[in-house]
N, C-alpha and C. Protein backbone atom coordinates (compact mmCIF):
# COMPACT_ATOMS: atom_id res chain seq x y z
N VAL A 1 -2.54 0.12 1.03
CA VAL A 1 -1.41 0.43 0.14
C VAL A 1 -0.72 -0.90 -0.29
N ARG A 2 -0.53 -1.75 0.69
CA ARG A 2 0.13 -3.03 0.40
C ARG A 2 -0.69 -3.82 -0.62
N GLN A 3 -2.02 -3.85 -0.51
CA GLN A 3 -2.86 -4.61 -1.45
C GLN A 3 -2.78 -4.03 -2.80
N GLU A 4 -2.69 -2.71 -2.86
CA GLU A 4 -2.58 -2.04 -4.19
C GLU A 4 -1.22 -2.34 -4.87
N GLN A 5 -0.14 -2.45 -3.96
CA GLN A 5 1.15 -2.76 -4.50
C GLN A 5 1.16 -4.21 -5.01
N GLU A 6 0.42 -5.13 -4.31
CA GLU A 6 0.47 -6.52 -4.68
C GLU A 6 -0.43 -6.70 -5.98
N ALA A 7 -1.54 -5.95 -6.06
CA ALA A 7 -2.30 -5.96 -7.32
C ALA A 7 -1.57 -5.52 -8.44
N GLY A 8 -0.78 -4.43 -8.30
CA GLY A 8 0.03 -3.93 -9.39
C GLY A 8 1.15 -4.86 -9.78
N MET A 9 1.72 -5.49 -8.77
CA MET A 9 2.78 -6.48 -8.96
C MET A 9 2.19 -7.62 -9.76
N GLY A 10 0.93 -8.10 -9.40
CA GLY A 10 0.33 -9.21 -10.16
C GLY A 10 0.13 -8.90 -11.58
N GLU A 11 -0.40 -7.77 -11.83
CA GLU A 11 -0.62 -7.27 -13.29
C GLU A 11 0.75 -7.20 -14.02
N ALA A 12 1.78 -6.68 -13.38
CA ALA A 12 3.06 -6.56 -13.97
C ALA A 12 3.64 -7.94 -14.22
N THR A 13 3.38 -8.92 -13.31
CA THR A 13 3.89 -10.21 -13.53
C THR A 13 3.15 -10.86 -14.62
N ARG A 14 1.84 -10.77 -14.75
CA ARG A 14 1.16 -11.27 -15.93
C ARG A 14 1.64 -10.78 -17.25
N ALA A 15 1.85 -9.47 -17.34
CA ALA A 15 2.48 -8.92 -18.50
C ALA A 15 3.84 -9.41 -18.87
N LEU A 16 4.60 -9.56 -17.83
CA LEU A 16 5.98 -10.08 -17.97
C LEU A 16 5.91 -11.46 -18.50
N LEU A 17 5.07 -12.41 -17.96
CA LEU A 17 4.98 -13.74 -18.42
C LEU A 17 4.50 -13.83 -19.84
N ARG A 18 3.53 -12.93 -20.21
CA ARG A 18 3.12 -12.94 -21.60
C ARG A 18 4.21 -12.60 -22.66
N ASN A 19 4.89 -11.48 -22.20
CA ASN A 19 5.98 -11.11 -23.09
C ASN A 19 7.11 -12.05 -23.16
N LEU A 20 7.44 -12.60 -21.99
CA LEU A 20 8.53 -13.61 -21.92
C LEU A 20 8.13 -14.81 -22.76
N ALA A 21 6.91 -15.32 -22.70
CA ALA A 21 6.45 -16.42 -23.47
C ALA A 21 6.68 -16.17 -24.97
N HIS A 22 6.24 -14.94 -25.35
CA HIS A 22 6.37 -14.62 -26.74
C HIS A 22 7.80 -14.55 -27.23
N GLU A 23 8.70 -13.98 -26.38
CA GLU A 23 10.10 -13.92 -26.70
C GLU A 23 10.77 -15.26 -26.80
N VAL A 24 10.30 -16.13 -25.96
CA VAL A 24 10.95 -17.51 -25.91
C VAL A 24 10.44 -18.39 -26.97
N LYS A 25 9.16 -18.28 -27.30
CA LYS A 25 8.54 -19.25 -28.29
C LYS A 25 9.13 -19.04 -29.68
N ASN A 26 9.32 -17.82 -30.10
CA ASN A 26 9.88 -17.56 -31.43
C ASN A 26 11.28 -18.22 -31.67
N PRO A 27 12.25 -17.87 -30.90
CA PRO A 27 13.56 -18.58 -31.13
C PRO A 27 13.48 -20.12 -30.84
N LEU A 28 12.64 -20.45 -29.93
CA LEU A 28 12.51 -21.87 -29.69
C LEU A 28 12.08 -22.68 -30.90
N GLY A 29 11.02 -22.03 -31.62
CA GLY A 29 10.51 -22.71 -32.77
C GLY A 29 11.65 -22.87 -33.83
N GLY A 30 12.50 -21.74 -33.94
CA GLY A 30 13.57 -21.80 -34.88
C GLY A 30 14.69 -22.84 -34.51
N ILE A 31 14.90 -22.98 -33.28
CA ILE A 31 15.91 -23.94 -32.84
C ILE A 31 15.36 -25.34 -33.17
N ARG A 32 14.10 -25.64 -32.93
CA ARG A 32 13.51 -26.98 -33.10
C ARG A 32 13.54 -27.23 -34.59
N GLY A 33 13.10 -26.23 -35.40
CA GLY A 33 13.02 -26.39 -36.92
C GLY A 33 14.53 -26.73 -37.41
N ALA A 34 15.44 -26.00 -36.90
CA ALA A 34 16.85 -26.17 -37.45
C ALA A 34 17.30 -27.58 -37.02
N ALA A 35 16.98 -27.99 -35.78
CA ALA A 35 17.40 -29.43 -35.31
C ALA A 35 16.77 -30.48 -36.15
N GLN A 36 15.49 -30.25 -36.61
CA GLN A 36 14.79 -31.17 -37.44
C GLN A 36 15.51 -31.32 -38.77
N LEU A 37 15.86 -30.17 -39.35
CA LEU A 37 16.49 -30.23 -40.65
C LEU A 37 17.87 -30.92 -40.59
N LEU A 38 18.58 -30.56 -39.51
CA LEU A 38 19.90 -31.26 -39.32
C LEU A 38 19.71 -32.80 -39.14
N ASP A 39 18.72 -33.16 -38.37
CA ASP A 39 18.42 -34.51 -38.15
C ASP A 39 18.16 -35.30 -39.39
N ALA A 40 17.44 -34.68 -40.29
CA ALA A 40 17.12 -35.35 -41.57
C ALA A 40 18.30 -35.54 -42.43
N GLU A 41 19.38 -34.67 -42.28
CA GLU A 41 20.57 -34.73 -43.05
C GLU A 41 21.67 -35.69 -42.46
N LEU A 42 21.47 -36.03 -41.27
CA LEU A 42 22.50 -36.92 -40.59
C LEU A 42 22.27 -38.41 -40.85
N ASN A 43 23.31 -39.07 -41.19
CA ASN A 43 23.14 -40.53 -41.41
C ASN A 43 23.87 -41.29 -40.19
N ASN A 44 24.45 -40.57 -39.43
CA ASN A 44 25.27 -41.13 -38.29
C ASN A 44 24.20 -41.21 -37.11
N ARG A 45 23.90 -42.38 -36.64
CA ARG A 45 23.00 -42.54 -35.56
C ARG A 45 23.40 -41.87 -34.25
N GLU A 46 24.65 -41.94 -33.93
CA GLU A 46 25.16 -41.34 -32.69
C GLU A 46 25.03 -39.86 -32.73
N LEU A 47 25.23 -39.25 -33.92
CA LEU A 47 25.01 -37.80 -34.02
C LEU A 47 23.56 -37.46 -33.93
N ARG A 48 22.75 -38.34 -34.52
CA ARG A 48 21.32 -37.96 -34.45
C ARG A 48 20.68 -37.97 -33.05
N GLU A 49 21.38 -38.75 -32.20
CA GLU A 49 20.95 -38.71 -30.79
C GLU A 49 21.01 -37.29 -30.29
N TYR A 50 21.99 -36.57 -30.61
CA TYR A 50 22.06 -35.15 -30.16
C TYR A 50 20.98 -34.32 -30.65
N THR A 51 20.63 -34.47 -31.92
CA THR A 51 19.51 -33.63 -32.49
C THR A 51 18.23 -34.01 -31.85
N GLU A 52 18.03 -35.25 -31.55
CA GLU A 52 16.84 -35.74 -30.95
C GLU A 52 16.63 -35.14 -29.55
N VAL A 53 17.82 -34.98 -28.86
CA VAL A 53 17.78 -34.36 -27.52
C VAL A 53 17.40 -32.91 -27.64
N ILE A 54 17.97 -32.23 -28.66
CA ILE A 54 17.48 -30.81 -28.82
C ILE A 54 16.02 -30.57 -29.16
N ILE A 55 15.50 -31.48 -29.99
CA ILE A 55 14.08 -31.41 -30.37
C ILE A 55 13.19 -31.77 -29.13
N ALA A 56 13.64 -32.79 -28.39
CA ALA A 56 12.84 -33.17 -27.20
C ALA A 56 12.85 -32.10 -26.11
N GLU A 57 14.08 -31.39 -25.92
CA GLU A 57 14.09 -30.39 -24.98
C GLU A 57 13.36 -29.09 -25.34
N ALA A 58 13.36 -28.84 -26.74
CA ALA A 58 12.62 -27.74 -27.28
C ALA A 58 11.08 -27.98 -27.03
N ASP A 59 10.66 -29.22 -27.19
CA ASP A 59 9.25 -29.49 -26.94
C ASP A 59 8.87 -29.47 -25.51
N ARG A 60 9.84 -29.81 -24.62
CA ARG A 60 9.54 -29.68 -23.16
C ARG A 60 9.44 -28.22 -22.75
N LEU A 61 10.30 -27.34 -23.33
CA LEU A 61 10.24 -25.94 -23.06
C LEU A 61 9.00 -25.36 -23.55
N GLN A 62 8.53 -25.78 -24.72
CA GLN A 62 7.31 -25.31 -25.36
C GLN A 62 6.12 -25.63 -24.47
N SER A 63 6.11 -26.81 -23.96
CA SER A 63 5.05 -27.33 -23.03
C SER A 63 5.11 -26.49 -21.72
N LEU A 64 6.28 -26.11 -21.19
CA LEU A 64 6.32 -25.28 -20.01
C LEU A 64 5.79 -23.90 -20.24
N VAL A 65 6.19 -23.31 -21.36
CA VAL A 65 5.66 -21.99 -21.70
C VAL A 65 4.07 -22.03 -21.83
N ASP A 66 3.55 -23.08 -22.47
CA ASP A 66 2.09 -23.19 -22.68
C ASP A 66 1.45 -23.35 -21.26
N ARG A 67 2.08 -24.01 -20.39
CA ARG A 67 1.48 -24.22 -18.96
C ARG A 67 1.41 -22.90 -18.33
N LEU A 68 2.45 -22.07 -18.47
CA LEU A 68 2.56 -20.81 -17.86
C LEU A 68 1.40 -19.84 -18.37
N LEU A 69 1.06 -20.10 -19.58
CA LEU A 69 0.10 -19.10 -20.20
C LEU A 69 -1.38 -19.65 -19.97
N VAL A 70 -1.53 -20.87 -19.49
CA VAL A 70 -2.89 -21.41 -19.39
C VAL A 70 -3.85 -20.58 -18.61
N PRO A 71 -3.49 -20.02 -17.46
CA PRO A 71 -4.46 -19.19 -16.76
C PRO A 71 -4.93 -17.92 -17.42
N TYR A 72 -4.13 -17.49 -18.50
CA TYR A 72 -4.51 -16.32 -19.24
C TYR A 72 -5.18 -16.60 -20.51
N ARG A 73 -5.15 -17.91 -20.90
CA ARG A 73 -5.83 -18.28 -22.10
C ARG A 73 -7.27 -18.66 -22.00
N ARG A 74 -7.52 -19.44 -20.95
CA ARG A 74 -8.79 -20.01 -20.80
C ARG A 74 -9.86 -19.01 -20.53
N GLU A 75 -11.01 -19.18 -21.24
CA GLU A 75 -12.12 -18.27 -21.05
C GLU A 75 -12.66 -18.36 -19.62
N ARG A 76 -12.84 -17.26 -18.97
CA ARG A 76 -13.44 -17.44 -17.61
C ARG A 76 -14.86 -17.70 -17.66
N ARG A 77 -15.36 -18.59 -16.73
CA ARG A 77 -16.69 -18.93 -16.64
C ARG A 77 -17.20 -18.55 -15.26
N VAL A 78 -17.54 -17.29 -15.15
CA VAL A 78 -18.03 -16.72 -13.81
C VAL A 78 -19.43 -16.98 -13.56
N GLY A 79 -19.76 -17.24 -12.35
CA GLY A 79 -21.15 -17.56 -11.94
C GLY A 79 -21.10 -17.70 -10.46
N PRO A 80 -22.38 -18.06 -9.99
CA PRO A 80 -22.47 -18.27 -8.41
C PRO A 80 -21.76 -19.43 -8.08
N VAL A 81 -21.00 -19.44 -6.98
CA VAL A 81 -20.12 -20.54 -6.44
C VAL A 81 -20.40 -20.67 -4.96
N ASN A 82 -20.62 -21.91 -4.60
CA ASN A 82 -20.65 -22.28 -3.15
C ASN A 82 -19.20 -22.67 -2.79
N ILE A 83 -18.56 -21.87 -1.97
CA ILE A 83 -17.20 -22.06 -1.71
C ILE A 83 -17.04 -23.39 -0.86
N LEU A 84 -18.06 -23.83 -0.09
CA LEU A 84 -17.86 -25.10 0.66
C LEU A 84 -17.91 -26.25 -0.28
N GLU A 85 -18.55 -26.20 -1.42
CA GLU A 85 -18.51 -27.23 -2.49
C GLU A 85 -17.20 -27.29 -3.10
N VAL A 86 -16.50 -26.16 -3.34
CA VAL A 86 -15.14 -26.14 -3.84
C VAL A 86 -14.21 -26.78 -2.90
N LEU A 87 -14.27 -26.40 -1.62
CA LEU A 87 -13.34 -26.91 -0.65
C LEU A 87 -13.51 -28.36 -0.40
N GLU A 88 -14.84 -28.87 -0.41
CA GLU A 88 -15.10 -30.26 -0.21
C GLU A 88 -14.59 -31.05 -1.42
N ARG A 89 -14.70 -30.60 -2.64
CA ARG A 89 -14.14 -31.21 -3.81
C ARG A 89 -12.65 -31.33 -3.61
N VAL A 90 -11.99 -30.33 -3.27
CA VAL A 90 -10.50 -30.37 -3.04
C VAL A 90 -10.17 -31.32 -1.93
N ARG A 91 -10.94 -31.29 -0.82
CA ARG A 91 -10.68 -32.14 0.34
C ARG A 91 -10.77 -33.62 -0.06
N ASN A 92 -11.83 -33.95 -0.90
CA ASN A 92 -12.06 -35.31 -1.29
C ASN A 92 -10.81 -35.76 -2.17
N LEU A 93 -10.36 -34.95 -3.12
CA LEU A 93 -9.24 -35.25 -3.94
C LEU A 93 -7.98 -35.56 -3.13
N LEU A 94 -7.77 -34.69 -2.15
CA LEU A 94 -6.51 -34.87 -1.33
C LEU A 94 -6.59 -36.12 -0.38
N THR A 95 -7.90 -36.37 0.11
CA THR A 95 -8.06 -37.47 0.98
C THR A 95 -7.82 -38.78 0.20
N ALA A 96 -8.29 -38.78 -1.10
CA ALA A 96 -7.98 -39.95 -1.89
C ALA A 96 -6.51 -40.16 -2.23
N GLU A 97 -5.77 -39.06 -2.36
CA GLU A 97 -4.38 -39.16 -2.66
C GLU A 97 -3.54 -39.57 -1.38
N PHE A 98 -4.06 -39.20 -0.28
CA PHE A 98 -3.26 -39.38 1.01
C PHE A 98 -4.31 -40.04 2.01
N PRO A 99 -4.71 -41.31 1.91
CA PRO A 99 -5.62 -41.85 2.73
C PRO A 99 -5.07 -42.11 4.13
N ALA A 100 -3.79 -42.05 4.30
CA ALA A 100 -3.19 -42.32 5.67
C ALA A 100 -2.18 -41.25 5.95
N GLY A 101 -2.14 -40.86 7.26
CA GLY A 101 -1.11 -39.92 7.73
C GLY A 101 -1.45 -38.55 7.70
N LEU A 102 -2.65 -38.17 7.00
CA LEU A 102 -3.09 -36.86 6.85
C LEU A 102 -4.53 -36.61 7.30
N VAL A 103 -4.78 -35.73 8.19
CA VAL A 103 -6.20 -35.34 8.50
C VAL A 103 -6.43 -33.94 8.04
N ILE A 104 -7.58 -33.83 7.31
CA ILE A 104 -8.00 -32.54 6.78
C ILE A 104 -9.21 -32.19 7.61
N ARG A 105 -9.10 -31.10 8.45
CA ARG A 105 -10.16 -30.65 9.29
C ARG A 105 -10.90 -29.54 8.61
N ARG A 106 -12.23 -29.49 9.03
CA ARG A 106 -13.16 -28.46 8.48
C ARG A 106 -13.45 -27.50 9.67
N ASP A 107 -13.36 -26.26 9.36
CA ASP A 107 -13.82 -25.18 10.27
C ASP A 107 -14.58 -24.15 9.48
N TYR A 108 -15.83 -24.55 8.98
CA TYR A 108 -16.60 -23.80 8.05
C TYR A 108 -17.60 -22.93 8.81
N ASP A 109 -17.84 -21.69 8.22
CA ASP A 109 -18.99 -20.93 8.61
C ASP A 109 -20.07 -21.26 7.53
N VAL A 110 -20.93 -22.06 7.95
CA VAL A 110 -21.92 -22.55 6.89
C VAL A 110 -22.99 -21.51 6.52
N SER A 111 -22.98 -20.32 7.12
CA SER A 111 -23.85 -19.32 6.85
C SER A 111 -23.36 -18.44 5.72
N ALA A 112 -22.20 -18.74 5.25
CA ALA A 112 -21.60 -17.88 4.23
C ALA A 112 -22.43 -17.94 2.93
N PRO A 113 -22.76 -16.88 2.25
CA PRO A 113 -23.50 -16.95 1.03
C PRO A 113 -22.68 -17.26 -0.18
N GLU A 114 -23.30 -17.63 -1.28
CA GLU A 114 -22.55 -17.89 -2.49
C GLU A 114 -21.80 -16.64 -2.94
N ILE A 115 -20.70 -16.91 -3.55
CA ILE A 115 -19.75 -15.88 -4.11
C ILE A 115 -19.90 -15.94 -5.72
N THR A 116 -19.36 -14.89 -6.31
CA THR A 116 -19.32 -14.90 -7.77
C THR A 116 -17.91 -15.17 -8.18
N GLY A 117 -17.72 -16.19 -8.98
CA GLY A 117 -16.32 -16.55 -9.42
C GLY A 117 -16.32 -17.74 -10.40
N ASP A 118 -15.20 -18.11 -10.82
CA ASP A 118 -15.00 -19.22 -11.77
C ASP A 118 -14.69 -20.50 -10.89
N LYS A 119 -15.70 -21.40 -10.89
CA LYS A 119 -15.58 -22.59 -9.94
C LYS A 119 -14.37 -23.34 -10.22
N GLU A 120 -14.13 -23.68 -11.56
CA GLU A 120 -13.03 -24.61 -11.92
C GLU A 120 -11.67 -23.93 -11.51
N GLN A 121 -11.55 -22.58 -11.70
CA GLN A 121 -10.27 -21.97 -11.32
C GLN A 121 -10.13 -21.88 -9.82
N LEU A 122 -11.21 -21.73 -9.11
CA LEU A 122 -11.15 -21.83 -7.58
C LEU A 122 -10.73 -23.15 -7.11
N ILE A 123 -11.27 -24.25 -7.73
CA ILE A 123 -10.93 -25.59 -7.38
C ILE A 123 -9.37 -25.75 -7.60
N GLN A 124 -8.84 -25.28 -8.75
CA GLN A 124 -7.42 -25.39 -9.08
C GLN A 124 -6.59 -24.58 -8.01
N ILE A 125 -7.03 -23.45 -7.74
CA ILE A 125 -6.22 -22.66 -6.79
C ILE A 125 -6.10 -23.33 -5.48
N PHE A 126 -7.17 -23.82 -4.89
CA PHE A 126 -7.05 -24.43 -3.56
C PHE A 126 -6.49 -25.76 -3.70
N LEU A 127 -6.60 -26.42 -4.81
CA LEU A 127 -5.93 -27.72 -4.94
C LEU A 127 -4.39 -27.51 -4.93
N ASN A 128 -3.88 -26.54 -5.69
CA ASN A 128 -2.53 -26.17 -5.72
C ASN A 128 -2.01 -25.81 -4.32
N LEU A 129 -2.80 -25.00 -3.63
CA LEU A 129 -2.35 -24.52 -2.29
C LEU A 129 -2.22 -25.68 -1.34
N MET A 130 -3.22 -26.55 -1.36
CA MET A 130 -3.21 -27.73 -0.45
C MET A 130 -2.12 -28.70 -0.81
N ARG A 131 -1.86 -28.87 -2.05
CA ARG A 131 -0.77 -29.78 -2.52
C ARG A 131 0.53 -29.20 -2.07
N ASN A 132 0.73 -27.85 -2.09
CA ASN A 132 1.90 -27.27 -1.60
C ASN A 132 2.07 -27.53 -0.05
N ALA A 133 0.96 -27.46 0.64
CA ALA A 133 0.98 -27.72 2.04
C ALA A 133 1.42 -29.13 2.31
N VAL A 134 0.88 -30.03 1.57
CA VAL A 134 1.21 -31.44 1.63
C VAL A 134 2.72 -31.67 1.46
N GLN A 135 3.21 -30.99 0.44
CA GLN A 135 4.70 -31.11 0.26
C GLN A 135 5.47 -30.58 1.37
N ALA A 136 5.00 -29.56 2.08
CA ALA A 136 5.68 -28.96 3.20
C ALA A 136 5.68 -29.77 4.36
N ILE A 137 4.61 -30.60 4.53
CA ILE A 137 4.61 -31.46 5.79
C ILE A 137 4.66 -32.97 5.45
N HIS A 138 5.37 -33.29 4.41
CA HIS A 138 5.47 -34.71 3.96
C HIS A 138 6.03 -35.61 5.01
N THR A 139 7.04 -35.02 5.86
CA THR A 139 7.63 -35.84 6.91
C THR A 139 6.59 -36.09 8.00
N LEU A 140 5.72 -35.18 8.23
CA LEU A 140 4.70 -35.37 9.28
C LEU A 140 3.58 -36.38 8.70
N ILE A 141 3.33 -36.39 7.43
CA ILE A 141 2.48 -37.45 6.87
C ILE A 141 3.15 -38.93 7.13
N ASP A 142 4.41 -38.92 6.83
CA ASP A 142 5.02 -40.27 7.09
C ASP A 142 4.92 -40.64 8.54
N GLU A 143 4.92 -39.66 9.46
CA GLU A 143 4.74 -39.99 10.87
C GLU A 143 3.36 -40.23 11.29
N GLY A 144 2.48 -39.88 10.44
CA GLY A 144 0.96 -40.05 10.77
C GLY A 144 0.41 -38.98 11.58
N ARG A 145 1.01 -37.77 11.52
CA ARG A 145 0.44 -36.66 12.44
C ARG A 145 0.26 -35.36 11.67
N ALA A 146 0.03 -35.40 10.34
CA ALA A 146 -0.01 -34.20 9.60
C ALA A 146 -1.54 -33.74 9.58
N GLU A 147 -1.68 -32.44 9.61
CA GLU A 147 -3.00 -31.89 9.67
C GLU A 147 -3.12 -30.62 8.78
N ILE A 148 -4.28 -30.49 8.05
CA ILE A 148 -4.52 -29.33 7.33
C ILE A 148 -5.92 -28.91 7.67
N THR A 149 -6.07 -27.63 8.06
CA THR A 149 -7.41 -27.04 8.47
C THR A 149 -7.92 -26.18 7.36
N LEU A 150 -9.15 -26.35 6.95
CA LEU A 150 -9.84 -25.46 6.02
C LEU A 150 -10.81 -24.58 6.83
N ARG A 151 -10.62 -23.31 6.82
CA ARG A 151 -11.31 -22.40 7.59
C ARG A 151 -12.05 -21.30 6.72
N THR A 152 -13.28 -21.11 6.90
CA THR A 152 -14.02 -20.05 6.19
C THR A 152 -14.67 -19.11 7.24
N ARG A 153 -14.61 -17.79 6.92
CA ARG A 153 -15.24 -16.82 7.82
C ARG A 153 -15.80 -15.68 6.98
N ILE A 154 -16.87 -15.08 7.39
CA ILE A 154 -17.39 -13.88 6.77
C ILE A 154 -16.67 -12.70 7.33
N ALA A 155 -16.24 -11.83 6.48
CA ALA A 155 -15.61 -10.55 6.91
C ALA A 155 -16.50 -9.40 6.41
N ARG A 156 -16.61 -8.43 7.22
CA ARG A 156 -17.49 -7.24 6.86
C ARG A 156 -16.67 -5.97 6.77
N GLN A 157 -17.10 -5.08 5.89
CA GLN A 157 -16.61 -3.75 5.71
C GLN A 157 -15.08 -3.87 5.48
N VAL A 158 -14.81 -4.58 4.32
CA VAL A 158 -13.36 -4.74 4.03
C VAL A 158 -12.98 -3.89 2.83
N THR A 159 -11.86 -3.20 2.90
CA THR A 159 -11.45 -2.28 1.83
C THR A 159 -10.24 -2.97 1.12
N ILE A 160 -10.43 -3.17 -0.22
CA ILE A 160 -9.39 -3.71 -0.99
C ILE A 160 -9.23 -2.86 -2.26
N GLN A 161 -8.07 -2.40 -2.53
CA GLN A 161 -7.81 -1.59 -3.76
C GLN A 161 -8.78 -0.37 -3.72
N ARG A 162 -8.81 0.26 -2.54
CA ARG A 162 -9.65 1.51 -2.38
C ARG A 162 -11.14 1.29 -2.57
N LYS A 163 -11.52 0.05 -2.61
CA LYS A 163 -13.02 -0.12 -2.74
C LYS A 163 -13.56 -0.84 -1.54
N LEU A 164 -14.59 -0.34 -1.03
CA LEU A 164 -15.15 -0.88 0.32
C LEU A 164 -16.20 -1.95 -0.11
N TRP A 165 -15.97 -3.20 0.42
CA TRP A 165 -16.92 -4.25 0.22
C TRP A 165 -17.66 -4.45 1.57
N ARG A 166 -19.01 -4.51 1.44
CA ARG A 166 -19.83 -4.65 2.65
C ARG A 166 -19.63 -6.09 3.27
N MET A 167 -19.37 -7.05 2.42
CA MET A 167 -19.19 -8.43 2.95
C MET A 167 -18.18 -9.12 2.05
N ALA A 168 -17.29 -9.84 2.70
CA ALA A 168 -16.26 -10.59 1.92
C ALA A 168 -16.10 -12.03 2.56
N LEU A 169 -15.53 -12.95 1.88
CA LEU A 169 -15.26 -14.23 2.43
C LEU A 169 -13.85 -14.54 2.58
N SER A 170 -13.42 -14.88 3.80
CA SER A 170 -12.05 -15.13 4.13
C SER A 170 -11.88 -16.73 4.13
N VAL A 171 -10.94 -17.27 3.35
CA VAL A 171 -10.66 -18.67 3.23
C VAL A 171 -9.16 -18.87 3.64
N GLU A 172 -8.98 -19.76 4.68
CA GLU A 172 -7.61 -20.08 5.13
C GLU A 172 -7.38 -21.51 4.92
N VAL A 173 -6.16 -21.88 4.48
CA VAL A 173 -5.62 -23.21 4.46
C VAL A 173 -4.45 -23.25 5.36
N ILE A 174 -4.52 -23.96 6.47
CA ILE A 174 -3.50 -23.94 7.56
C ILE A 174 -3.06 -25.29 7.76
N ASP A 175 -1.71 -25.47 7.75
CA ASP A 175 -1.14 -26.79 8.15
C ASP A 175 -0.39 -26.72 9.37
N ASN A 176 0.04 -27.87 9.97
CA ASN A 176 0.70 -27.82 11.23
C ASN A 176 2.23 -28.02 11.09
N GLY A 177 2.73 -27.45 10.13
CA GLY A 177 4.17 -27.40 9.82
C GLY A 177 4.93 -26.43 10.77
N PRO A 178 6.23 -26.31 10.64
CA PRO A 178 7.01 -25.40 11.53
C PRO A 178 6.92 -23.99 11.16
N GLY A 179 6.50 -23.61 9.99
CA GLY A 179 6.40 -22.18 9.54
C GLY A 179 7.08 -21.89 8.29
N ILE A 180 6.79 -20.66 7.67
CA ILE A 180 7.35 -20.28 6.42
C ILE A 180 8.73 -19.62 6.72
N ASP A 181 9.67 -19.88 6.00
CA ASP A 181 11.06 -19.32 6.11
C ASP A 181 10.84 -17.77 6.04
N PRO A 182 11.30 -16.99 7.02
CA PRO A 182 11.23 -15.49 7.06
C PRO A 182 11.73 -14.90 5.83
N ALA A 183 12.75 -15.49 5.23
CA ALA A 183 13.43 -14.93 4.07
C ALA A 183 12.50 -14.83 2.88
N ILE A 184 11.49 -15.69 2.75
CA ILE A 184 10.58 -15.63 1.60
C ILE A 184 9.15 -15.22 1.96
N ARG A 185 8.99 -14.90 3.21
CA ARG A 185 7.59 -14.73 3.72
C ARG A 185 6.84 -13.54 2.97
N GLU A 186 7.51 -12.46 2.67
CA GLU A 186 7.02 -11.38 1.94
C GLU A 186 6.78 -11.61 0.47
N LYS A 187 7.44 -12.62 -0.05
CA LYS A 187 7.35 -12.92 -1.44
C LYS A 187 6.58 -14.20 -1.86
N ILE A 188 6.02 -14.84 -0.76
CA ILE A 188 5.49 -16.19 -0.95
C ILE A 188 4.42 -16.37 -2.02
N PHE A 189 3.64 -15.25 -2.35
CA PHE A 189 2.61 -15.35 -3.30
C PHE A 189 3.04 -14.90 -4.69
N TYR A 190 4.32 -14.56 -4.82
CA TYR A 190 4.77 -14.19 -6.22
C TYR A 190 5.03 -15.45 -7.02
N PRO A 191 4.85 -15.39 -8.29
CA PRO A 191 5.06 -16.55 -9.16
C PRO A 191 6.47 -17.19 -8.98
N LEU A 192 6.51 -18.53 -9.07
CA LEU A 192 7.74 -19.22 -9.07
C LEU A 192 8.49 -19.23 -7.72
N VAL A 193 8.03 -18.56 -6.76
CA VAL A 193 8.63 -18.57 -5.45
C VAL A 193 8.11 -19.80 -4.70
N THR A 194 9.08 -20.50 -4.04
CA THR A 194 8.68 -21.74 -3.32
C THR A 194 9.62 -21.82 -2.13
N GLY A 195 9.00 -22.44 -1.09
CA GLY A 195 9.71 -22.67 0.15
C GLY A 195 9.24 -23.72 0.97
N PHE A 196 8.44 -24.75 0.32
CA PHE A 196 7.82 -25.74 1.03
C PHE A 196 8.80 -26.65 1.78
N VAL A 197 10.05 -26.65 1.41
CA VAL A 197 11.03 -27.51 2.05
C VAL A 197 11.21 -27.00 3.51
N HIS A 198 10.79 -25.77 3.77
CA HIS A 198 10.99 -25.24 5.15
C HIS A 198 9.87 -25.63 6.07
N GLY A 199 8.75 -26.17 5.66
CA GLY A 199 7.85 -26.69 6.56
C GLY A 199 6.36 -26.33 6.10
N VAL A 200 5.90 -25.13 6.42
CA VAL A 200 4.53 -24.87 6.22
C VAL A 200 4.23 -24.05 5.05
N CYS A 201 2.99 -24.33 4.53
CA CYS A 201 2.48 -23.45 3.45
C CYS A 201 1.10 -23.00 3.88
N LYS A 202 1.00 -21.71 4.22
CA LYS A 202 -0.22 -21.23 4.71
C LYS A 202 -0.71 -20.12 3.84
N GLY A 203 -1.94 -20.24 3.44
CA GLY A 203 -2.51 -19.25 2.48
C GLY A 203 -3.77 -18.63 3.07
N LYS A 204 -3.96 -17.35 2.83
CA LYS A 204 -5.08 -16.70 3.27
C LYS A 204 -5.43 -15.66 2.21
N GLY A 205 -6.76 -15.69 1.85
CA GLY A 205 -7.18 -14.74 0.85
C GLY A 205 -8.60 -14.34 0.98
N ASP A 206 -8.97 -13.19 0.31
CA ASP A 206 -10.35 -12.82 0.39
C ASP A 206 -10.96 -13.04 -1.06
N ILE A 207 -12.08 -13.58 -1.18
CA ILE A 207 -12.71 -13.85 -2.42
C ILE A 207 -14.02 -13.21 -2.46
N PHE A 208 -14.34 -12.45 -3.55
CA PHE A 208 -15.60 -11.70 -3.59
C PHE A 208 -16.50 -12.24 -4.69
């Protein structure tokens, strides 16, 4: 039931973001256009600084809206994916970013078969998740005792959204921070919810 609720919430959130982006972009374009017209009429340099701020902020908001819509715009490229290749790619990126103070441990089930998915999107998902974990344990990195563990396991006879899967792949990203704030624990996977300042960012999901 909870998985069905989360799936429904995810679809509702996607629809909300699309509608919100549409509602924001239209008046934003009007604001920018009006500021440009006003800027062209002004001869006072000090006053033009204000219109330039309006134009720049409109562009910044436009960029933000576009970034929110990126996951729903890009054509999915679904195919066979070796999840260990995905995790190793992300591990190498994080190791290059944080060569000292952070240890990324592997706890892989190497017998896991390939899955069907979008490799680039999977890389981005795990990269975002691990970067969130890094933000959560930045003080431990400074102290040289930060750890992130990547764990994969095969799960069998898993029911998700009323459908029974004979085999699934469980992937966990676990850091050694103090834990997620209980106040946001139930909402941690909703868009725009953050709590990395409290310590740990732990994610667990099933990928089919």
